[in-house]
C-alpha atoms as a PDB file:
ATOM      1  CA  UNK A   1     109.952 114.793 111.867  1.00  0.00           C
ATOM      2  CA  UNK A   2     112.780 113.705 114.197  1.00  0.00           C
ATOM      3  CA  UNK A   3     115.234 112.747 111.466  1.00  0.00           C
ATOM      4  CA  UNK A   4     116.304 114.164 108.113  1.00  0.00           C
ATOM      5  CA  UNK A   5     117.684 111.791 105.508  1.00  0.00           C
ATOM      6  CA  UNK A   6     119.604 112.809 102.406  1.00  0.00           C
ATOM      7  CA  UNK A   7     119.265 110.446  99.457  1.00  0.00           C
ATOM      8  CA  UNK A   8     121.952 109.847  96.834  1.00  0.00           C
ATOM      9  CA  UNK A   9     120.598 112.437  94.412  1.00  0.00           C
ATOM     10  CA  UNK A  10     120.472 115.099  97.130  1.00  0.00           C
ATOM     11  CA  UNK A  11     124.002 114.186  98.249  1.00  0.00           C
ATOM     12  CA  UNK A  12     125.378 114.968  94.802  1.00  0.00           C
ATOM     13  CA  UNK A  13     123.395 118.213  94.712  1.00  0.00           C
ATOM     14  CA  UNK A  14     124.840 119.255  98.078  1.00  0.00           C
ATOM     15  CA  UNK A  15     128.384 118.371  96.976  1.00  0.00           C
ATOM     16  CA  UNK A  16     127.950 120.422  93.796  1.00  0.00           C
ATOM     17  CA  UNK A  17     126.580 123.426  95.710  1.00  0.00           C
ATOM     18  CA  UNK A  18     129.447 123.422  98.234  1.00  0.00           C
ATOM     19  CA  UNK A  19     131.945 123.052  95.402  1.00  0.00           C
ATOM     20  CA  UNK A  20     130.462 126.071  93.614  1.00  0.00           C
ATOM     21  CA  UNK A  21     130.517 128.104  96.854  1.00  0.00           C
ATOM     22  CA  UNK A  22     134.202 127.206  97.316  1.00  0.00           C
ATOM     23  CA  UNK A  23     134.995 128.258  93.743  1.00  0.00           C
ATOM     24  CA  UNK A  24     133.194 131.588  94.214  1.00  0.00           C
ATOM     25  CA  UNK A  25     135.109 132.297  97.430  1.00  0.00           C
ATOM     26  CA  UNK A  26     138.393 131.532  95.673  1.00  0.00           C
ATOM     27  CA  UNK A  27     137.449 133.882  92.829  1.00  0.00           C
ATOM     28  CA  UNK A  28     136.528 136.813  95.080  1.00  0.00           C
ATOM     29  CA  UNK A  29     139.312 136.161  97.598  1.00  0.00           C
ATOM     30  CA  UNK A  30     142.240 134.654  95.632  1.00  0.00           C
ATOM     31  CA  UNK A  31     145.481 133.546  97.348  1.00  0.00           C
ATOM     32  CA  UNK A  32     148.059 136.272  98.006  1.00  0.00           C
ATOM     33  CA  UNK A  33     151.336 136.038  96.042  1.00  0.00           C
ATOM     34  CA  UNK A  34     153.327 136.062  99.302  1.00  0.00           C
ATOM     35  CA  UNK A  35     151.558 132.973 100.601  1.00  0.00           C
ATOM     36  CA  UNK A  36     152.391 129.390  99.722  1.00  0.00           C
ATOM     37  CA  UNK A  37     149.665 127.679  97.704  1.00  0.00           C
ATOM     38  CA  UNK A  38     149.493 124.697 100.040  1.00  0.00           C
ATOM     39  CA  UNK A  39     148.754 127.020 102.968  1.00  0.00           C
ATOM     40  CA  UNK A  40     145.942 128.613 100.997  1.00  0.00           C
ATOM     41  CA  UNK A  41     144.478 125.155 100.229  1.00  0.00           C
ATOM     42  CA  UNK A  42     144.715 124.080 103.880  1.00  0.00           C
ATOM     43  CA  UNK A  43     143.140 127.328 105.040  1.00  0.00           C
ATOM     44  CA  UNK A  44     140.319 127.100 102.504  1.00  0.00           C
ATOM     45  CA  UNK A  45     139.662 123.481 103.502  1.00  0.00           C
ATOM     46  CA  UNK A  46     139.399 124.464 107.175  1.00  0.00           C
ATOM     47  CA  UNK A  47     137.093 127.402 106.462  1.00  0.00           C
ATOM     48  CA  UNK A  48     134.740 125.346 104.264  1.00  0.00           C
ATOM     49  CA  UNK A  49     134.775 122.525 106.806  1.00  0.00           C
ATOM     50  CA  UNK A  50     133.660 124.942 109.507  1.00  0.00           C
ATOM     51  CA  UNK A  51     130.808 126.205 107.306  1.00  0.00           C
ATOM     52  CA  UNK A  52     129.723 122.654 106.459  1.00  0.00           C
ATOM     53  CA  UNK A  53     129.734 121.719 110.162  1.00  0.00           C
ATOM     54  CA  UNK A  54     127.471 124.681 110.955  1.00  0.00           C
ATOM     55  CA  UNK A  55     125.044 123.882 108.130  1.00  0.00           C
ATOM     56  CA  UNK A  56     124.619 120.130 108.623  1.00  0.00           C
ATOM     57  CA  UNK A  57     124.720 120.279 112.434  1.00  0.00           C
ATOM     58  CA  UNK A  58     121.617 122.471 112.264  1.00  0.00           C
ATOM     59  CA  UNK A  59     119.963 120.813 109.276  1.00  0.00           C
ATOM     60  CA  UNK A  60     120.433 117.183 110.342  1.00  0.00           C
ATOM     61  CA  UNK A  61     120.481 117.383 114.140  1.00  0.00           C
ATOM     62  CA  UNK A  62     119.621 120.650 115.921  1.00  0.00           C
ATOM     63  CA  UNK A  63     116.454 121.636 114.020  1.00  0.00           C
ATOM     64  CA  UNK A  64     114.935 118.123 113.804  1.00  0.00           C
ATOM     65  CA  UNK A  65     115.571 117.499 117.512  1.00  0.00           C
ATOM     66  CA  UNK A  66     114.902 120.854 119.185  1.00  0.00           C
ATOM     67  CA  UNK A  67     113.033 123.226 116.836  1.00  0.00           C
ATOM     68  CA  UNK A  68     109.618 123.889 118.340  1.00  0.00           C
ATOM     69  CA  UNK A  69     110.374 121.502 121.224  1.00  0.00           C
ATOM     70  CA  UNK A  70     113.147 122.888 123.423  1.00  0.00           C
ATOM     71  CA  UNK A  71     114.310 126.450 122.811  1.00  0.00           C
ATOM     72  CA  UNK A  72     117.004 126.403 125.504  1.00  0.00           C
ATOM     73  CA  UNK A  73     118.723 123.288 124.128  1.00  0.00           C
ATOM     74  CA  UNK A  74     118.408 124.658 120.597  1.00  0.00           C
ATOM     75  CA  UNK A  75     120.178 127.904 121.571  1.00  0.00           C
ATOM     76  CA  UNK A  76     122.815 126.081 123.630  1.00  0.00           C
ATOM     77  CA  UNK A  77     123.722 123.547 120.916  1.00  0.00           C
ATOM     78  CA  UNK A  78     123.655 126.219 118.210  1.00  0.00           C
ATOM     79  CA  UNK A  79     125.972 128.434 120.275  1.00  0.00           C
ATOM     80  CA  UNK A  80     128.310 125.456 120.776  1.00  0.00           C
ATOM     81  CA  UNK A  81     128.530 125.056 116.999  1.00  0.00           C
ATOM     82  CA  UNK A  82     129.313 128.777 116.726  1.00  0.00           C
ATOM     83  CA  UNK A  83     132.232 128.311 119.164  1.00  0.00           C
ATOM     84  CA  UNK A  84     133.553 125.492 116.983  1.00  0.00           C
ATOM     85  CA  UNK A  85     133.315 127.828 113.978  1.00  0.00           C
ATOM     86  CA  UNK A  86     135.267 130.491 115.860  1.00  0.00           C
ATOM     87  CA  UNK A  87     137.999 128.076 116.983  1.00  0.00           C
ATOM     88  CA  UNK A  88     138.565 126.650 113.481  1.00  0.00           C
ATOM     89  CA  UNK A  89     138.671 130.051 111.788  1.00  0.00           C
ATOM     90  CA  UNK A  90     140.752 131.640 114.571  1.00  0.00           C
ATOM     91  CA  UNK A  91     143.301 128.813 114.220  1.00  0.00           C
ATOM     92  CA  UNK A  92     143.393 129.253 110.468  1.00  0.00           C
ATOM     93  CA  UNK A  93     143.654 133.068 110.439  1.00  0.00           C
ATOM     94  CA  UNK A  94     146.076 133.611 113.322  1.00  0.00           C
ATOM     95  CA  UNK A  95     148.279 130.511 113.150  1.00  0.00           C
ATOM     96  CA  UNK A  96     148.149 128.486 109.908  1.00  0.00           C
ATOM     97  CA  UNK A  97     148.113 131.528 107.630  1.00  0.00           C
ATOM     98  CA  UNK A  98     151.221 132.936 109.402  1.00  0.00           C
ATOM     99  CA  UNK A  99     153.398 129.863 108.779  1.00  0.00           C
ATOM    100  CA  UNK A 100     156.564 130.668 106.813  1.00  0.00           C
ATOM    101  CA  UNK A 101     156.253 134.351 107.595  1.00  0.00           C
ATOM    102  CA  UNK A 102     152.798 134.872 106.161  1.00  0.00           C
ATOM    103  CA  UNK A 103     150.601 137.728 107.314  1.00  0.00           C
ATOM    104  CA  UNK A 104     147.152 137.134 108.773  1.00  0.00           C
ATOM    105  CA  UNK A 105     144.172 138.833 107.127  1.00  0.00           C
ATOM    106  CA  UNK A 106     143.309 140.135 110.588  1.00  0.00           C
ATOM    107  CA  UNK A 107     146.833 141.228 111.527  1.00  0.00           C
ATOM    108  CA  UNK A 108     146.606 143.982 114.120  1.00  0.00           C
ATOM    109  CA  UNK A 109     142.819 143.779 114.309  1.00  0.00           C
ATOM    110  CA  UNK A 110     141.048 142.845 117.539  1.00  0.00           C
ATOM    111  CA  UNK A 111     139.674 139.334 117.817  1.00  0.00           C
ATOM    112  CA  UNK A 112     136.082 140.547 118.075  1.00  0.00           C
ATOM    113  CA  UNK A 113     136.216 141.757 114.452  1.00  0.00           C
ATOM    114  CA  UNK A 114     136.775 138.189 113.305  1.00  0.00           C
ATOM    115  CA  UNK A 115     134.017 137.021 115.683  1.00  0.00           C
ATOM    116  CA  UNK A 116     131.598 139.642 114.316  1.00  0.00           C
ATOM    117  CA  UNK A 117     132.317 138.664 110.698  1.00  0.00           C
ATOM    118  CA  UNK A 118     131.942 134.976 111.493  1.00  0.00           C
ATOM    119  CA  UNK A 119     128.719 135.762 113.362  1.00  0.00           C
ATOM    120  CA  UNK A 120     127.261 137.178 110.147  1.00  0.00           C
ATOM    121  CA  UNK A 121     128.357 134.118 108.144  1.00  0.00           C
ATOM    122  CA  UNK A 122     126.990 131.891 110.907  1.00  0.00           C
ATOM    123  CA  UNK A 123     123.549 133.529 110.766  1.00  0.00           C
ATOM    124  CA  UNK A 124     123.437 133.290 106.964  1.00  0.00           C
ATOM    125  CA  UNK A 125     124.292 129.581 107.044  1.00  0.00           C
ATOM    126  CA  UNK A 126     121.794 128.881 109.842  1.00  0.00           C
ATOM    127  CA  UNK A 127     119.013 130.665 107.943  1.00  0.00           C
ATOM    128  CA  UNK A 128     119.832 128.596 104.840  1.00  0.00           C
ATOM    129  CA  UNK A 129     119.705 125.394 106.893  1.00  0.00           C
ATOM    130  CA  UNK A 130     116.416 126.467 108.509  1.00  0.00           C
ATOM    131  CA  UNK A 131     114.833 127.211 105.136  1.00  0.00           C
ATOM    132  CA  UNK A 132     115.878 123.841 103.758  1.00  0.00           C
ATOM    133  CA  UNK A 133     114.666 122.054 106.885  1.00  0.00           C
ATOM    134  CA  UNK A 134     111.259 123.755 106.804  1.00  0.00           C
ATOM    135  CA  UNK A 135     110.944 122.847 103.138  1.00  0.00           C
ATOM    136  CA  UNK A 136     111.694 119.203 104.000  1.00  0.00           C
ATOM    137  CA  UNK A 137     109.182 119.440 106.849  1.00  0.00           C
ATOM    138  CA  UNK A 138     106.463 120.643 104.465  1.00  0.00           C
ATOM    139  CA  UNK A 139     107.205 117.825 102.016  1.00  0.00           C
ATOM    140  CA  UNK A 140     107.165 115.281 104.851  1.00  0.00           C
ATOM    141  CA  UNK A 141     103.818 116.605 106.094  1.00  0.00           C
ATOM    142  CA  UNK A 142     102.322 116.506 102.598  1.00  0.00           C
ATOM    143  CA  UNK A 143     103.540 112.933 102.084  1.00  0.00           C
ATOM    144  CA  UNK A 144     102.116 111.890 105.454  1.00  0.00           C
ATOM    145  CA  UNK A 145      98.730 113.386 104.599  1.00  0.00           C
ATOM    146  CA  UNK A 146      98.866 111.736 101.175  1.00  0.00           C
ATOM    147  CA  UNK A 147      99.616 108.322 102.701  1.00  0.00           C
ATOM    148  CA  UNK A 148      96.793 108.734 105.221  1.00  0.00           C
ATOM    149  CA  UNK A 149      94.335 109.569 102.442  1.00  0.00           C
ATOM    150  CA  UNK A 150      95.658 106.660 100.419  1.00  0.00           C
ATOM    151  CA  UNK A 151      95.065 104.241 103.304  1.00  0.00           C
ATOM    152  CA  UNK A 152      91.561 105.602 103.953  1.00  0.00           C
ATOM    153  CA  UNK A 153      90.610 105.369 100.282  1.00  0.00           C
ATOM    154  CA  UNK A 154      91.995 101.848 100.012  1.00  0.00           C
ATOM    155  CA  UNK A 155      89.985 100.823 103.061  1.00  0.00           C
ATOM    156  CA  UNK A 156      86.797 102.406 101.718  1.00  0.00           C
ATOM    157  CA  UNK A 157      87.221 100.697  98.355  1.00  0.00           C
ATOM    158  CA  UNK A 158      88.007  97.395 100.011  1.00  0.00           C
ATOM    159  CA  UNK A 159      84.995  97.675 102.326  1.00  0.00           C
ATOM    160  CA  UNK A 160      82.673  96.243  99.682  1.00  0.00           C
ATOM    161  CA  UNK A 161      84.929  93.230  99.238  1.00  0.00           C
ATOM    162  CA  UNK A 162      84.580  92.307 102.902  1.00  0.00           C
ATOM    163  CA  UNK A 163      80.753  92.307 102.828  1.00  0.00           C
ATOM    164  CA  UNK A 164      80.554  88.961 101.070  1.00  0.00           C
ATOM    165  CA  UNK A 165      81.509  85.425 101.899  1.00  0.00           C
ATOM    166  CA  UNK A 166      83.138  84.530  98.561  1.00  0.00           C
ATOM    167  CA  UNK A 167      82.773  80.769  99.053  1.00  0.00           C
ATOM    168  CA  UNK A 168      79.014  80.714  99.602  1.00  0.00           C
ATOM    169  CA  UNK A 169      78.412  83.502  97.080  1.00  0.00           C
ATOM    170  CA  UNK A 170      80.077  81.692  94.191  1.00  0.00           C
ATOM    171  CA  UNK A 171      78.612  78.337  95.198  1.00  0.00           C
ATOM    172  CA  UNK A 172      75.185  79.948  94.991  1.00  0.00           C
ATOM    173  CA  UNK A 173      75.949  81.460  91.571  1.00  0.00           C
ATOM    174  CA  UNK A 174      77.203  78.108  90.300  1.00  0.00           C
ATOM    175  CA  UNK A 175      73.958  76.533  91.523  1.00  0.00           C
ATOM    176  CA  UNK A 176      71.939  79.203  89.698  1.00  0.00           C
ATOM    177  CA  UNK A 177      74.004  78.725  86.560  1.00  0.00           C
ATOM    178  CA  UNK A 178      73.481  74.942  86.525  1.00  0.00           C
ATOM    179  CA  UNK A 179      69.752  75.263  87.236  1.00  0.00           C
ATOM    180  CA  UNK A 180      69.033  77.999  84.687  1.00  0.00           C
ATOM    181  CA  UNK A 181      71.186  76.377  81.986  1.00  0.00           C
ATOM    182  CA  UNK A 182      68.576  73.599  81.649  1.00  0.00           C
ATOM    183  CA  UNK A 183      65.926  76.119  80.673  1.00  0.00           C
ATOM    184  CA  UNK A 184      67.770  79.119  79.227  1.00  0.00           C
ATOM    185  CA  UNK A 185      71.291  79.192  77.800  1.00  0.00           C
ATOM    186  CA  UNK A 186      71.158  82.981  77.603  1.00  0.00           C
ATOM    187  CA  UNK A 187      70.174  83.293  81.254  1.00  0.00           C
ATOM    188  CA  UNK A 188      72.958  80.925  82.291  1.00  0.00           C
ATOM    189  CA  UNK A 189      75.495  82.938  80.304  1.00  0.00           C
ATOM    190  CA  UNK A 190      74.328  86.102  82.066  1.00  0.00           C
ATOM    191  CA  UNK A 191      74.811  84.388  85.448  1.00  0.00           C
ATOM    192  CA  UNK A 192      78.295  83.277  84.364  1.00  0.00           C
ATOM    193  CA  UNK A 193      79.242  86.802  83.284  1.00  0.00           C
ATOM    194  CA  UNK A 194      77.930  88.264  86.526  1.00  0.00           C
ATOM    195  CA  UNK A 195      79.906  85.674  88.489  1.00  0.00           C
ATOM    196  CA  UNK A 196      83.131  86.612  86.678  1.00  0.00           C
ATOM    197  CA  UNK A 197      82.489  90.323  87.253  1.00  0.00           C
ATOM    198  CA  UNK A 198      81.802  89.777  90.955  1.00  0.00           C
ATOM    199  CA  UNK A 199      84.882  87.573  91.342  1.00  0.00           C
ATOM    200  CA  UNK A 200      87.034  90.281  89.760  1.00  0.00           C
ATOM    201  CA  UNK A 201      85.630  92.910  92.140  1.00  0.00           C
ATOM    202  CA  UNK A 202      86.085  90.792  95.247  1.00  0.00           C
ATOM    203  CA  UNK A 203      89.439  89.102  94.632  1.00  0.00           C
ATOM    204  CA  UNK A 204      91.450  92.081  93.357  1.00  0.00           C
ATOM    205  CA  UNK A 205      92.686  94.324  96.174  1.00  0.00           C
ATOM    206  CA  UNK A 206      92.270  98.079  95.976  1.00  0.00           C
ATOM    207  CA  UNK A 207      95.534  99.901  95.339  1.00  0.00           C
ATOM    208  CA  UNK A 208      97.340  96.852  93.900  1.00  0.00           C
ATOM    209  CA  UNK A 209      97.929  96.826  90.145  1.00  0.00           C
ATOM    210  CA  UNK A 210      96.789  93.867  88.055  1.00  0.00           C
ATOM    211  CA  UNK A 211      97.556  92.820  84.448  1.00  0.00           C
ATOM    212  CA  UNK A 212      95.815  95.055  81.918  1.00  0.00           C
ATOM    213  CA  UNK A 213      94.595  91.969  80.045  1.00  0.00           C
ATOM    214  CA  UNK A 214      92.701  90.883  83.167  1.00  0.00           C
ATOM    215  CA  UNK A 215      91.057  94.292  83.547  1.00  0.00           C
ATOM    216  CA  UNK A 216      90.079  94.351  79.866  1.00  0.00           C
ATOM    217  CA  UNK A 217      88.496  90.917  80.232  1.00  0.00           C
ATOM    218  CA  UNK A 218      86.485  92.342  83.130  1.00  0.00           C
ATOM    219  CA  UNK A 219      85.342  95.269  80.956  1.00  0.00           C
ATOM    220  CA  UNK A 220      84.420  92.892  78.131  1.00  0.00           C
ATOM    221  CA  UNK A 221      82.337  90.777  80.524  1.00  0.00           C
ATOM    222  CA  UNK A 222      80.677  93.923  81.875  1.00  0.00           C
ATOM    223  CA  UNK A 223      79.629  95.024  78.376  1.00  0.00           C
ATOM    224  CA  UNK A 224      78.556  91.512  77.383  1.00  0.00           C
ATOM    225  CA  UNK A 225      76.361  91.292  80.489  1.00  0.00           C
ATOM    226  CA  UNK A 226      74.590  94.519  79.543  1.00  0.00           C
ATOM    227  CA  UNK A 227      74.070  93.185  76.030  1.00  0.00           C
ATOM    228  CA  UNK A 228      72.530  90.003  77.477  1.00  0.00           C
ATOM    229  CA  UNK A 229      70.189  92.036  79.660  1.00  0.00           C
ATOM    230  CA  UNK A 230      69.231  94.476  76.903  1.00  0.00           C
ATOM    231  CA  UNK A 231      69.423  93.247  73.318  1.00  0.00           C
ATOM    232  CA  UNK A 232      68.902  96.721  71.887  1.00  0.00           C
ATOM    233  CA  UNK A 233      71.896  98.293  73.621  1.00  0.00           C
ATOM    234  CA  UNK A 234      74.442  99.825  71.218  1.00  0.00           C
ATOM    235  CA  UNK A 235      78.061  99.727  72.434  1.00  0.00           C
ATOM    236  CA  UNK A 236      81.197  99.541  70.310  1.00  0.00           C
ATOM    237  CA  UNK A 237      84.193  98.295  72.287  1.00  0.00           C
ATOM    238  CA  UNK A 238      87.627  98.282  70.663  1.00  0.00           C
ATOM    239  CA  UNK A 239      91.155  97.562  71.919  1.00  0.00           C
ATOM    240  CA  UNK A 240      94.017  98.991  69.858  1.00  0.00           C
ATOM    241  CA  UNK A 241      97.570  97.906  70.647  1.00  0.00           C
ATOM    242  CA  UNK A 242      99.377  95.251  72.671  1.00  0.00           C
ATOM    243  CA  UNK A 243      98.071  94.547  76.186  1.00  0.00           C
ATOM    244  CA  UNK A 244     100.664  92.075  77.494  1.00  0.00           C
ATOM    245  CA  UNK A 245     103.224  93.114  80.138  1.00  0.00           C
ATOM    246  CA  UNK A 246     101.120  96.095  81.188  1.00  0.00           C
ATOM    247  CA  UNK A 247      99.665  96.717  84.648  1.00  0.00           C
ATOM    248  CA  UNK A 248      96.839  98.941  85.884  1.00  0.00           C
ATOM    249  CA  UNK A 249      94.846  99.540  89.048  1.00  0.00           C
ATOM    250  CA  UNK A 250      91.599  97.518  89.034  1.00  0.00           C
ATOM    251  CA  UNK A 251      88.270  99.251  88.310  1.00  0.00           C
ATOM    252  CA  UNK A 252      89.870 102.532  87.222  1.00  0.00           C
ATOM    253  CA  UNK A 253      88.647 102.371  83.614  1.00  0.00           C
ATOM    254  CA  UNK A 254      85.240 100.742  84.169  1.00  0.00           C
ATOM    255  CA  UNK A 255      83.753 103.713  86.027  1.00  0.00           C
ATOM    256  CA  UNK A 256      83.874 105.969  82.961  1.00  0.00           C
ATOM    257  CA  UNK A 257      82.204 103.249  80.880  1.00  0.00           C
ATOM    258  CA  UNK A 258      79.540 102.757  83.540  1.00  0.00           C
ATOM    259  CA  UNK A 259      78.919 106.503  83.500  1.00  0.00           C
ATOM    260  CA  UNK A 260      78.320 106.449  79.726  1.00  0.00           C
ATOM    261  CA  UNK A 261      75.838 103.573  80.030  1.00  0.00           C
ATOM    262  CA  UNK A 262      74.068 105.187  82.982  1.00  0.00           C
ATOM    263  CA  UNK A 263      73.689 108.686  81.526  1.00  0.00           C
ATOM    264  CA  UNK A 264      74.037 108.078  77.786  1.00  0.00           C
ATOM    265  CA  UNK A 265      71.573 107.239  75.037  1.00  0.00           C
ATOM    266  CA  UNK A 266      72.492 103.549  74.714  1.00  0.00           C
ATOM    267  CA  UNK A 267      69.851 102.516  72.144  1.00  0.00           C
ATOM    268  CA  UNK A 268      70.819 104.825  69.305  1.00  0.00           C
ATOM    269  CA  UNK A 269      72.182 102.948  66.261  1.00  0.00           C
ATOM    270  CA  UNK A 270      73.295 106.266  64.795  1.00  0.00           C
ATOM    271  CA  UNK A 271      75.204 107.287  67.933  1.00  0.00           C
ATOM    272  CA  UNK A 272      76.332 104.114  69.740  1.00  0.00           C
ATOM    273  CA  UNK A 273      78.458 104.351  72.864  1.00  0.00           C
ATOM    274  CA  UNK A 274      82.059 104.338  71.632  1.00  0.00           C
ATOM    275  CA  UNK A 275      84.619 102.780  73.979  1.00  0.00           C
ATOM    276  CA  UNK A 276      88.214 102.554  72.758  1.00  0.00           C
ATOM    277  CA  UNK A 277      91.357 101.584  74.628  1.00  0.00           C
ATOM    278  CA  UNK A 278      94.731 102.392  73.085  1.00  0.00           C
ATOM    279  CA  UNK A 279      97.946 100.917  74.438  1.00  0.00           C
ATOM    280  CA  UNK A 280     101.479 102.116  73.740  1.00  0.00           C
ATOM    281  CA  UNK A 281     104.862 101.363  75.289  1.00  0.00           C
ATOM    282  CA  UNK A 282     104.568 104.074  77.910  1.00  0.00           C
ATOM    283  CA  UNK A 283     100.852 104.784  78.216  1.00  0.00           C
ATOM    284  CA  UNK A 284      97.269 103.521  78.227  1.00  0.00           C
ATOM    285  CA  UNK A 285      94.512 105.718  76.813  1.00  0.00           C
ATOM    286  CA  UNK A 286      90.775 105.255  77.248  1.00  0.00           C
ATOM    287  CA  UNK A 287      88.240 107.230  75.221  1.00  0.00           C
ATOM    288  CA  UNK A 288      84.490 107.076  75.853  1.00  0.00           C
ATOM    289  CA  UNK A 289      81.981 108.972  73.727  1.00  0.00           C
ATOM    290  CA  UNK A 290      78.212 108.854  74.012  1.00  0.00           C
ATOM    291  CA  UNK A 291      75.121 110.772  73.085  1.00  0.00           C
ATOM    292  CA  UNK A 292      73.505 112.208  76.190  1.00  0.00           C
ATOM    293  CA  UNK A 293      70.113 110.912  77.195  1.00  0.00           C
ATOM    294  CA  UNK A 294      67.446 113.618  77.153  1.00  0.00           C
ATOM    295  CA  UNK A 295      65.944 114.281  80.570  1.00  0.00           C
ATOM    296  CA  UNK A 296      63.170 116.517  81.826  1.00  0.00           C
ATOM    297  CA  UNK A 297      64.361 119.869  83.179  1.00  0.00           C
ATOM    298  CA  UNK A 298      63.428 118.903  86.754  1.00  0.00           C
ATOM    299  CA  UNK A 299      65.743 115.859  86.673  1.00  0.00           C
ATOM    300  CA  UNK A 300      69.220 116.743  87.903  1.00  0.00           C
ATOM    301  CA  UNK A 301      72.202 114.685  86.876  1.00  0.00           C
ATOM    302  CA  UNK A 302      74.349 113.650  89.819  1.00  0.00           C
ATOM    303  CA  UNK A 303      77.892 112.356  89.746  1.00  0.00           C
ATOM    304  CA  UNK A 304      78.051 108.862  91.227  1.00  0.00           C
ATOM    305  CA  UNK A 305      80.345 107.834  94.027  1.00  0.00           C
ATOM    306  CA  UNK A 306      82.115 105.415  91.672  1.00  0.00           C
ATOM    307  CA  UNK A 307      83.403 108.207  89.456  1.00  0.00           C
ATOM    308  CA  UNK A 308      84.440 110.244  92.497  1.00  0.00           C
ATOM    309  CA  UNK A 309      86.385 107.258  93.856  1.00  0.00           C
ATOM    310  CA  UNK A 310      88.085 106.724  90.493  1.00  0.00           C
ATOM    311  CA  UNK A 311      89.250 110.337  90.389  1.00  0.00           C
ATOM    312  CA  UNK A 312      90.524 110.038  93.960  1.00  0.00           C
ATOM    313  CA  UNK A 313      92.432 106.870  93.068  1.00  0.00           C
ATOM    314  CA  UNK A 314      93.941 108.535  90.010  1.00  0.00           C
ATOM    315  CA  UNK A 315      95.073 111.485  92.122  1.00  0.00           C
ATOM    316  CA  UNK A 316      96.468 109.346  94.932  1.00  0.00           C
ATOM    317  CA  UNK A 317      98.049 106.444  93.079  1.00  0.00           C
ATOM    318  CA  UNK A 318      99.024 107.965  89.713  1.00  0.00           C
ATOM    319  CA  UNK A 319      99.601 111.573  90.859  1.00  0.00           C
ATOM    320  CA  UNK A 320     101.123 113.438  87.882  1.00  0.00           C
ATOM    321  CA  UNK A 321     101.158 110.357  85.660  1.00  0.00           C
ATOM    322  CA  UNK A 322      97.602 110.719  84.390  1.00  0.00           C
ATOM    323  CA  UNK A 323      95.563 113.184  82.382  1.00  0.00           C
ATOM    324  CA  UNK A 324      91.766 113.310  82.372  1.00  0.00           C
ATOM    325  CA  UNK A 325      89.953 115.387  79.747  1.00  0.00           C
ATOM    326  CA  UNK A 326      86.182 115.716  79.414  1.00  0.00           C
ATOM    327  CA  UNK A 327      84.044 117.571  76.886  1.00  0.00           C
ATOM    328  CA  UNK A 328      80.419 118.042  77.869  1.00  0.00           C
ATOM    329  CA  UNK A 329      78.572 119.611  74.932  1.00  0.00           C
ATOM    330  CA  UNK A 330      74.837 120.066  74.443  1.00  0.00           C
ATOM    331  CA  UNK A 331      74.239 116.668  72.922  1.00  0.00           C
ATOM    332  CA  UNK A 332      77.425 114.614  73.315  1.00  0.00           C
ATOM    333  CA  UNK A 333      79.758 113.679  76.140  1.00  0.00           C
ATOM    334  CA  UNK A 334      83.413 112.773  75.573  1.00  0.00           C
ATOM    335  CA  UNK A 335      85.909 111.501  78.111  1.00  0.00           C
ATOM    336  CA  UNK A 336      89.597 110.737  77.581  1.00  0.00           C
ATOM    337  CA  UNK A 337      91.842 109.262  80.265  1.00  0.00           C
ATOM    338  CA  UNK A 338      95.583 108.792  79.676  1.00  0.00           C
ATOM    339  CA  UNK A 339      97.743 106.904  82.175  1.00  0.00           C
ATOM    340  CA  UNK A 340     101.527 107.021  81.784  1.00  0.00           C
ATOM    341  CA  UNK A 341     104.006 104.488  83.158  1.00  0.00           C
END
């Protein structure tokens, strides 16, 4: 990281911190009665300016440019800043503070005592700047890794979309629809639903939010297609709340519904697959509940790549704005996903 930027929020935080430091110094080292107040203010301004120069010279310039790259230039530039600190404080203590007959705090003391004291302050300020810079460096590295993972995931999700020629694919489906419609309305409807599902998967880009209403239409088509293919399937799908003016990443919700159909007992009238989507002003909540399909002991249940991808997308794109809860009991499986805006 060759450059450190301070945003508006951080600027106000820095101003507040330096103000509090100035107040504390004034409390522990108040102005002497024999000194004019304006001289105290000028002196304090010079001292704080010298400290600020030391801090931000290292934080914004020296560490980003030379730390871990050029030790000699780092030491040289840092020492130059120390000289500036000495000159400002020497001027304040031995000249400005003695105007109008005032007495210097270091009256009669050798100059090296002031240099030694300032050396301690210098090291403290430099260590503070180094700590803050390393913290920024860690955040920058984490963000870079996050963005790289985000790009890789987006590419992997979008890979499927690039495997088809949309024009010829949908022309073929339209041909099938028109041909089958003459013999079977139900078969034609299934082709139409499949076409809509495929179009949704191909045309919507990974990582780009779409209207929630569009995603819910996709889910409805997905369930309807399964009901066309299997008349005995038992799925209750319910939407509770207003869906307009809400956005969501495509194919985030469908994976958990697919999982219920794949691993659940979908023919039980007593325990149908329950899919509910609740919408509020600041959140979307999906709940999926299904009875688990009984399997022989030698059959192992494996988590599909679709569910893994959905969890990766949630982590990368929604970060701390989502909450996923699952309850896997002996006979039932419950999943609840909440996405906040």
